[in-house]
Structure formats: C-alpha cells, structure tokens
PDB file of all heavy atoms in Angstrom:
ATOM      1  N   THR A   1      11.094   4.001  -8.842  1.00  0.00           N
ATOM      2  CA  THR A   1      12.141   3.814  -9.731  1.00  0.00           C
ATOM      3  C   THR A   1      12.963   5.027  -9.896  1.00  0.00           C
ATOM      4  O   THR A   1      13.994   4.990 -10.664  1.00  0.00           O
ATOM      5  CB  THR A   1      11.627   3.323 -10.996  1.00  0.00           C
ATOM      6  OG1 THR A   1      10.681   4.263 -11.527  1.00  0.00           O
ATOM      7  CG2 THR A   1      10.948   1.991 -11.005  1.00  0.00           C
ATOM      8  N   CYS A   2      12.614   6.106  -9.157  1.00  0.00           N
ATOM      9  CA  CYS A   2      13.416   7.351  -9.232  1.00  0.00           C
ATOM     10  C   CYS A   2      14.800   7.074  -8.533  1.00  0.00           C
ATOM     11  O   CYS A   2      14.936   6.187  -7.913  1.00  0.00           O
ATOM     12  CB  CYS A   2      12.675   8.469  -8.450  1.00  0.00           C
ATOM     13  SG  CYS A   2      11.144   8.993  -9.252  1.00  0.00           S
ATOM     14  N   GLU A   3      15.667   8.034  -8.718  1.00  0.00           N
ATOM     15  CA  GLU A   3      16.962   7.988  -8.170  1.00  0.00           C
ATOM     16  C   GLU A   3      16.909   8.103  -6.636  1.00  0.00           C
ATOM     17  O   GLU A   3      16.220   8.932  -6.090  1.00  0.00           O
ATOM     18  CB  GLU A   3      17.773   9.207  -8.639  1.00  0.00           C
ATOM     19  CG  GLU A   3      19.137   9.258  -8.158  1.00  0.00           C
ATOM     20  CD  GLU A   3      20.000   8.153  -8.561  1.00  0.00           C
ATOM     21  OE1 GLU A   3      20.055   7.766  -9.769  1.00  0.00           O
ATOM     22  OE2 GLU A   3      20.790   7.601  -7.674  1.00  0.00           O
ATOM     23  N   LEU A   4      17.554   7.135  -6.047  1.00  0.00           N
ATOM     24  CA  LEU A   4      17.471   7.074  -4.590  1.00  0.00           C
ATOM     25  C   LEU A   4      18.772   7.568  -3.851  1.00  0.00           C
ATOM     26  O   LEU A   4      18.947   7.416  -2.709  1.00  0.00           O
ATOM     27  CB  LEU A   4      17.179   5.607  -3.996  1.00  0.00           C
ATOM     28  CG  LEU A   4      15.973   4.985  -4.521  1.00  0.00           C
ATOM     29  CD1 LEU A   4      15.922   3.491  -4.057  1.00  0.00           C
ATOM     30  CD2 LEU A   4      14.853   5.786  -3.969  1.00  0.00           C
ATOM     31  N   GLU A   5      19.467   8.394  -4.604  1.00  0.00           N
ATOM     32  CA  GLU A   5      20.725   8.856  -4.169  1.00  0.00           C
ATOM     33  C   GLU A   5      20.665  10.264  -3.504  1.00  0.00           C
ATOM     34  O   GLU A   5      21.556  10.888  -3.120  1.00  0.00           O
ATOM     35  CB  GLU A   5      21.851   8.935  -5.320  1.00  0.00           C
ATOM     36  CG  GLU A   5      22.273   7.641  -5.738  1.00  0.00           C
ATOM     37  CD  GLU A   5      23.065   6.813  -4.621  1.00  0.00           C
ATOM     38  OE1 GLU A   5      23.854   7.397  -3.855  1.00  0.00           O
ATOM     39  OE2 GLU A   5      22.791   5.549  -4.594  1.00  0.00           O
ATOM     40  N   GLU A   6      19.408  10.684  -3.519  1.00  0.00           N
ATOM     41  CA  GLU A   6      19.128  12.105  -2.979  1.00  0.00           C
ATOM     42  C   GLU A   6      19.520  12.086  -1.434  1.00  0.00           C
ATOM     43  O   GLU A   6      19.263  11.192  -0.682  1.00  0.00           O
ATOM     44  CB  GLU A   6      17.578  12.327  -2.950  1.00  0.00           C
ATOM     45  CG  GLU A   6      17.075  12.558  -4.357  1.00  0.00           C
ATOM     46  CD  GLU A   6      17.298  13.977  -4.864  1.00  0.00           C
ATOM     47  OE1 GLU A   6      17.484  14.875  -4.037  1.00  0.00           O
ATOM     48  OE2 GLU A   6      17.310  14.142  -6.080  1.00  0.00           O
ATOM     49  N   VAL A   7      20.188  13.117  -1.049  1.00  0.00           N
ATOM     50  CA  VAL A   7      20.644  13.349   0.259  1.00  0.00           C
ATOM     51  C   VAL A   7      19.487  13.736   1.173  1.00  0.00           C
ATOM     52  O   VAL A   7      18.887  14.771   0.920  1.00  0.00           O
ATOM     53  CB  VAL A   7      21.930  14.326   0.329  1.00  0.00           C
ATOM     54  CG1 VAL A   7      22.292  14.663   1.849  1.00  0.00           C
ATOM     55  CG2 VAL A   7      23.038  13.823  -0.441  1.00  0.00           C
ATOM     56  N   VAL A   8      19.352  13.180   2.360  1.00  0.00           N
ATOM     57  CA  VAL A   8      18.326  13.593   3.249  1.00  0.00           C
ATOM     58  C   VAL A   8      18.919  14.350   4.273  1.00  0.00           C
ATOM     59  O   VAL A   8      19.817  13.976   4.978  1.00  0.00           O
ATOM     60  CB  VAL A   8      17.667  12.215   3.817  1.00  0.00           C
ATOM     61  CG1 VAL A   8      16.637  12.658   4.928  1.00  0.00           C
ATOM     62  CG2 VAL A   8      17.099  11.495   2.811  1.00  0.00           C
ATOM     63  N   LYS A   9      18.437  15.642   4.528  1.00  0.00           N
ATOM     64  CA  LYS A   9      18.946  16.533   5.456  1.00  0.00           C
ATOM     65  C   LYS A   9      18.188  16.545   6.764  1.00  0.00           C
ATOM     66  O   LYS A   9      18.635  16.881   7.792  1.00  0.00           O
ATOM     67  CB  LYS A   9      19.093  17.955   4.938  1.00  0.00           C
ATOM     68  CG  LYS A   9      20.071  18.002   3.779  1.00  0.00           C
ATOM     69  CD  LYS A   9      20.030  19.418   3.123  1.00  0.00           C
ATOM     70  CE  LYS A   9      20.902  19.477   1.949  1.00  0.00           C
ATOM     71  NZ  LYS A   9      20.768  20.709   1.309  1.00  0.00           N
ATOM     72  N   THR A  10      16.913  16.260   6.722  1.00  0.00           N
ATOM     73  CA  THR A  10      15.903  16.133   7.741  1.00  0.00           C
ATOM     74  C   THR A  10      14.736  15.232   7.457  1.00  0.00           C
ATOM     75  O   THR A  10      14.537  14.903   6.276  1.00  0.00           O
ATOM     76  CB  THR A  10      15.420  17.588   8.196  1.00  0.00           C
ATOM     77  OG1 THR A  10      14.742  17.517   9.449  1.00  0.00           O
ATOM     78  CG2 THR A  10      14.656  18.293   7.155  1.00  0.00           C
ATOM     79  N   ILE A  11      14.005  14.830   8.410  1.00  0.00           N
ATOM     80  CA  ILE A  11      12.843  14.077   8.253  1.00  0.00           C
ATOM     81  C   ILE A  11      11.687  14.695   8.978  1.00  0.00           C
ATOM     82  O   ILE A  11      11.851  15.341   9.978  1.00  0.00           O
ATOM     83  CB  ILE A  11      12.969  12.590   8.754  1.00  0.00           C
ATOM     84  CG1 ILE A  11      13.331  12.552  10.284  1.00  0.00           C
ATOM     85  CG2 ILE A  11      14.048  11.928   7.966  1.00  0.00           C
ATOM     86  CD1 ILE A  11      13.309  11.151  10.797  1.00  0.00           C
ATOM     87  N   SER A  12      10.498  14.610   8.523  1.00  0.00           N
ATOM     88  CA  SER A  12       9.281  15.173   9.041  1.00  0.00           C
ATOM     89  C   SER A  12       8.029  14.647   8.618  1.00  0.00           C
ATOM     90  O   SER A  12       7.966  14.244   7.455  1.00  0.00           O
ATOM     91  CB  SER A  12       9.323  16.713   8.814  1.00  0.00           C
ATOM     92  OG  SER A  12       8.233  17.330   9.522  1.00  0.00           O
ATOM     93  N   TYR A  13       6.977  14.747   9.418  1.00  0.00           N
ATOM     94  CA  TYR A  13       5.636  14.356   8.966  1.00  0.00           C
ATOM     95  C   TYR A  13       4.783  15.685   8.932  1.00  0.00           C
ATOM     96  O   TYR A  13       3.531  15.590   8.632  1.00  0.00           O
ATOM     97  CB  TYR A  13       5.005  13.266   9.878  1.00  0.00           C
ATOM     98  CG  TYR A  13       4.994  13.709  11.295  1.00  0.00           C
ATOM     99  CD1 TYR A  13       3.850  14.424  11.797  1.00  0.00           C
ATOM    100  CD2 TYR A  13       5.782  13.271  12.210  1.00  0.00           C
ATOM    101  CE1 TYR A  13       3.640  14.782  13.164  1.00  0.00           C
ATOM    102  CE2 TYR A  13       5.792  13.729  13.590  1.00  0.00           C
ATOM    103  CZ  TYR A  13       4.681  14.361  13.999  1.00  0.00           C
ATOM    104  OH  TYR A  13       4.703  14.785  15.286  1.00  0.00           O
ATOM    105  N   ASN A  14       5.292  16.768   9.255  1.00  0.00           N
ATOM    106  CA  ASN A  14       4.576  18.175   9.272  1.00  0.00           C
ATOM    107  C   ASN A  14       5.017  18.861   7.934  1.00  0.00           C
ATOM    108  O   ASN A  14       6.130  19.258   7.925  1.00  0.00           O
ATOM    109  CB  ASN A  14       4.908  18.924  10.511  1.00  0.00           C
ATOM    110  CG  ASN A  14       4.136  20.138  10.702  1.00  0.00           C
ATOM    111  OD1 ASN A  14       3.606  20.567   9.598  1.00  0.00           O
ATOM    112  ND2 ASN A  14       4.187  20.629  11.947  1.00  0.00           N
ATOM    113  N   SER A  15       4.024  19.084   7.052  1.00  0.00           N
ATOM    114  CA  SER A  15       4.354  19.626   5.798  1.00  0.00           C
ATOM    115  C   SER A  15       4.873  21.128   6.055  1.00  0.00           C
ATOM    116  O   SER A  15       5.550  21.667   5.209  1.00  0.00           O
ATOM    117  CB  SER A  15       3.158  19.670   4.870  1.00  0.00           C
ATOM    118  OG  SER A  15       2.163  20.246   5.478  1.00  0.00           O
ATOM    119  N   LYS A  16       4.485  21.765   7.217  1.00  0.00           N
ATOM    120  CA  LYS A  16       4.862  23.147   7.427  1.00  0.00           C
ATOM    121  C   LYS A  16       6.303  23.232   7.827  1.00  0.00           C
ATOM    122  O   LYS A  16       6.822  24.292   7.655  1.00  0.00           O
ATOM    123  CB  LYS A  16       4.084  23.762   8.600  1.00  0.00           C
ATOM    124  CG  LYS A  16       2.512  23.957   8.268  1.00  0.00           C
ATOM    125  CD  LYS A  16       1.790  24.369   9.515  1.00  0.00           C
ATOM    126  CE  LYS A  16       0.352  24.416   9.224  1.00  0.00           C
ATOM    127  NZ  LYS A  16      -0.483  24.737  10.368  1.00  0.00           N
ATOM    128  N   GLU A  17       6.884  22.130   8.284  1.00  0.00           N
ATOM    129  CA  GLU A  17       8.257  22.094   8.570  1.00  0.00           C
ATOM    130  C   GLU A  17       9.128  21.626   7.286  1.00  0.00           C
ATOM    131  O   GLU A  17      10.316  21.656   7.469  1.00  0.00           O
ATOM    132  CB  GLU A  17       8.497  21.186   9.709  1.00  0.00           C
ATOM    133  CG  GLU A  17       7.873  21.494  10.922  1.00  0.00           C
ATOM    134  CD  GLU A  17       8.022  20.490  12.117  1.00  0.00           C
ATOM    135  OE1 GLU A  17       8.506  19.520  11.819  1.00  0.00           O
ATOM    136  OE2 GLU A  17       7.618  20.895  13.241  1.00  0.00           O
ATOM    137  N   ALA A  18       8.618  21.209   6.252  1.00  0.00           N
ATOM    138  CA  ALA A  18       9.367  20.619   5.123  1.00  0.00           C
ATOM    139  C   ALA A  18      10.300  21.784   4.519  1.00  0.00           C
ATOM    140  O   ALA A  18       9.775  22.850   4.281  1.00  0.00           O
ATOM    141  CB  ALA A  18       8.513  20.034   4.202  1.00  0.00           C
ATOM    142  N   VAL A  19      11.542  21.411   4.215  1.00  0.00           N
ATOM    143  CA  VAL A  19      12.476  22.277   3.616  1.00  0.00           C
ATOM    144  C   VAL A  19      13.296  21.476   2.530  1.00  0.00           C
ATOM    145  O   VAL A  19      13.062  20.328   2.500  1.00  0.00           O
ATOM    146  CB  VAL A  19      13.509  22.922   4.709  1.00  0.00           C
ATOM    147  CG1 VAL A  19      12.762  23.925   5.564  1.00  0.00           C
ATOM    148  CG2 VAL A  19      14.234  21.895   5.501  1.00  0.00           C
ATOM    149  N   GLU A  20      14.154  22.077   2.031  1.00  0.00           N
ATOM    150  CA  GLU A  20      15.038  21.341   1.005  1.00  0.00           C
ATOM    151  C   GLU A  20      15.703  20.256   1.704  1.00  0.00           C
ATOM    152  O   GLU A  20      16.267  20.419   2.726  1.00  0.00           O
ATOM    153  CB  GLU A  20      16.092  22.382   0.540  1.00  0.00           C
ATOM    154  CG  GLU A  20      17.072  21.967  -0.644  1.00  0.00           C
ATOM    155  CD  GLU A  20      16.360  21.970  -1.898  1.00  0.00           C
ATOM    156  OE1 GLU A  20      15.574  22.823  -2.113  1.00  0.00           O
ATOM    157  OE2 GLU A  20      16.873  21.239  -2.807  1.00  0.00           O
ATOM    158  N   GLY A  21      15.608  19.015   1.100  1.00  0.00           N
ATOM    159  CA  GLY A  21      16.257  17.895   1.565  1.00  0.00           C
ATOM    160  C   GLY A  21      15.372  17.080   2.701  1.00  0.00           C
ATOM    161  O   GLY A  21      16.006  16.093   3.315  1.00  0.00           O
ATOM    162  N   THR A  22      14.159  17.415   2.765  1.00  0.00           N
ATOM    163  CA  THR A  22      13.331  16.704   3.852  1.00  0.00           C
ATOM    164  C   THR A  22      12.729  15.453   3.198  1.00  0.00           C
ATOM    165  O   THR A  22      12.360  15.241   2.100  1.00  0.00           O
ATOM    166  CB  THR A  22      12.147  17.508   4.282  1.00  0.00           C
ATOM    167  OG1 THR A  22      12.613  18.734   4.878  1.00  0.00           O
ATOM    168  CG2 THR A  22      11.144  16.801   5.226  1.00  0.00           C
ATOM    169  N   LEU A  23      12.844  14.299   3.990  1.00  0.00           N
ATOM    170  CA  LEU A  23      12.213  13.088   3.715  1.00  0.00           C
ATOM    171  C   LEU A  23      10.897  13.175   4.393  1.00  0.00           C
ATOM    172  O   LEU A  23      10.850  13.161   5.682  1.00  0.00           O
ATOM    173  CB  LEU A  23      12.926  11.807   4.167  1.00  0.00           C
ATOM    174  CG  LEU A  23      12.314  10.430   3.861  1.00  0.00           C
ATOM    175  CD1 LEU A  23      12.090  10.292   2.304  1.00  0.00           C
ATOM    176  CD2 LEU A  23      13.135   9.289   4.394  1.00  0.00           C
ATOM    177  N   PHE A  24       9.768  13.316   3.699  1.00  0.00           N
ATOM    178  CA  PHE A  24       8.456  13.576   4.170  1.00  0.00           C
ATOM    179  C   PHE A  24       7.744  12.356   4.455  1.00  0.00           C
ATOM    180  O   PHE A  24       7.588  11.421   3.573  1.00  0.00           O
ATOM    181  CB  PHE A  24       7.688  14.528   3.265  1.00  0.00           C
ATOM    182  CG  PHE A  24       6.374  14.886   3.875  1.00  0.00           C
ATOM    183  CD1 PHE A  24       6.190  15.844   4.858  1.00  0.00           C
ATOM    184  CD2 PHE A  24       5.259  14.368   3.218  1.00  0.00           C
ATOM    185  CE1 PHE A  24       4.957  16.191   5.367  1.00  0.00           C
ATOM    186  CE2 PHE A  24       3.909  14.686   3.766  1.00  0.00           C
ATOM    187  CZ  PHE A  24       3.777  15.626   4.818  1.00  0.00           C
ATOM    188  N   PHE A  25       6.984  12.217   5.512  1.00  0.00           N
ATOM    189  CA  PHE A  25       6.199  11.028   5.830  1.00  0.00           C
ATOM    190  C   PHE A  25       4.702  11.383   5.740  1.00  0.00           C
ATOM    191  O   PHE A  25       4.233  12.401   6.501  1.00  0.00           O
ATOM    192  CB  PHE A  25       6.460  10.617   7.294  1.00  0.00           C
ATOM    193  CG  PHE A  25       7.836   9.848   7.446  1.00  0.00           C
ATOM    194  CD1 PHE A  25       9.055  10.654   7.493  1.00  0.00           C
ATOM    195  CD2 PHE A  25       7.866   8.506   7.384  1.00  0.00           C
ATOM    196  CE1 PHE A  25      10.237  10.003   7.530  1.00  0.00           C
ATOM    197  CE2 PHE A  25       9.037   7.867   7.516  1.00  0.00           C
ATOM    198  CZ  PHE A  25      10.253   8.562   7.525  1.00  0.00           C
ATOM    199  N   CYS A  26       3.952  10.622   4.966  1.00  0.00           N
ATOM    200  CA  CYS A  26       2.574  10.850   4.826  1.00  0.00           C
ATOM    201  C   CYS A  26       1.904   9.840   5.882  1.00  0.00           C
ATOM    202  O   CYS A  26       1.977   8.661   5.723  1.00  0.00           O
ATOM    203  CB  CYS A  26       2.062  10.389   3.478  1.00  0.00           C
ATOM    204  SG  CYS A  26       2.936  11.247   2.149  1.00  0.00           S
ATOM    205  N   LYS A  27       1.367  10.378   6.904  1.00  0.00           N
ATOM    206  CA  LYS A  27       0.897   9.543   8.006  1.00  0.00           C
ATOM    207  C   LYS A  27      -0.418   9.880   8.591  1.00  0.00           C
ATOM    208  O   LYS A  27      -0.748  11.127   8.585  1.00  0.00           O
ATOM    209  CB  LYS A  27       1.907   9.339   9.095  1.00  0.00           C
ATOM    210  CG  LYS A  27       2.107  10.483   9.958  1.00  0.00           C
ATOM    211  CD  LYS A  27       2.766  10.045  11.214  1.00  0.00           C
ATOM    212  CE  LYS A  27       2.625  10.976  12.397  1.00  0.00           C
ATOM    213  NZ  LYS A  27       1.310  10.993  12.969  1.00  0.00           N
ATOM    214  N   GLY A  28      -1.067   8.943   9.099  1.00  0.00           N
ATOM    215  CA  GLY A  28      -2.378   9.290   9.924  1.00  0.00           C
ATOM    216  C   GLY A  28      -3.542   9.222   8.970  1.00  0.00           C
ATOM    217  O   GLY A  28      -3.533   9.514   7.824  1.00  0.00           O
TER     218      GLY A  28
END
C-alpha cells in the first residue's frame, strides 16, 4: 500500500550492487 511512484534507476538481485533507486529482487 506504499507509494508506487518511486523511480526505478536499476534492478538487481545482488544486495552488494544495490544503490539509490534499485528495485531489489529477493530470490532463491
């Protein structure tokens, strides 16, 4: 229910690569 207007600058499933604007995938 949070605001979904956040701008996504990158996507990743590696937490070490996460930066401002990352859509993070919890997988595996």
